[in-house]
Amino acid sequence: MPIAKPDEIDKVLYTHEQIQDRVKELGQQITSDYHKLLGNEIWDRPPIAVGMLRGALIFTADLIRAIEIPMTIDFMTVSSYGNQTEPGAIKVLKDLTESVAHRHVLIVEDIIDTGHQLAYVRKTLLAREPASLKTCVLLDKAPRREVSVPLDYVGFKMDKDYFVVGYGLDYAERYRNLNYVANLSPKAIK
């Protein structure tokens, strides 16, 4: 049975193959950068990947398998309590179980659009005094940016404001298990 009805998907933006190729490239770049940064220290205190739940779960799982250095992994969940047009107060719903103090941290996020949530997560983690803090996002939706946030690794830059689903991204908790990223049809948005 199909995961999405044919009229629910307007356009496939990134195929499964394109995503897997890009994740492999990101993994190689991150591996190289952390080798240069840490040298032999990498074995004693490996970096920690912080996956942002739930949207980045699939991306995080694929990415850490593409990174060829020791890494630990933890997850956070944050949510914005605003209305449809304005961001509201951002709150941590699930915090990390590991300390990031004096650790090299890589935030792994599915998408950045306005930048408010990622800016909040960075501020929260920086207050915990990591040794370094880098960010890896699958999709950079620059047309919606309201807050500037440093992005160290970007999977794909989007030049249009698509409503994207798939590869962890959802609409009303649906479509996360599509193995590609697509623009959701206006017919599917209720």
Foldseek 3Di string as FASTA:
>chain_A
DDQDDPQFFDWFDWALVLLLVLLLVLQVVVQVVVCVVQPPCCVVANAEEEEEPDQCPLVVVSNVVSHDTDYHYWYWYKDFDDDPPDTHDIDTPGDTPDQQAQHEYEYEEAEDAQCVVVVVVVVVNVVSHHVYYAYEYAEYADVRHNDDDDHPHYNDYDPDDAQKAECRRDDVPGRPDHSTIGRTRPVNHD
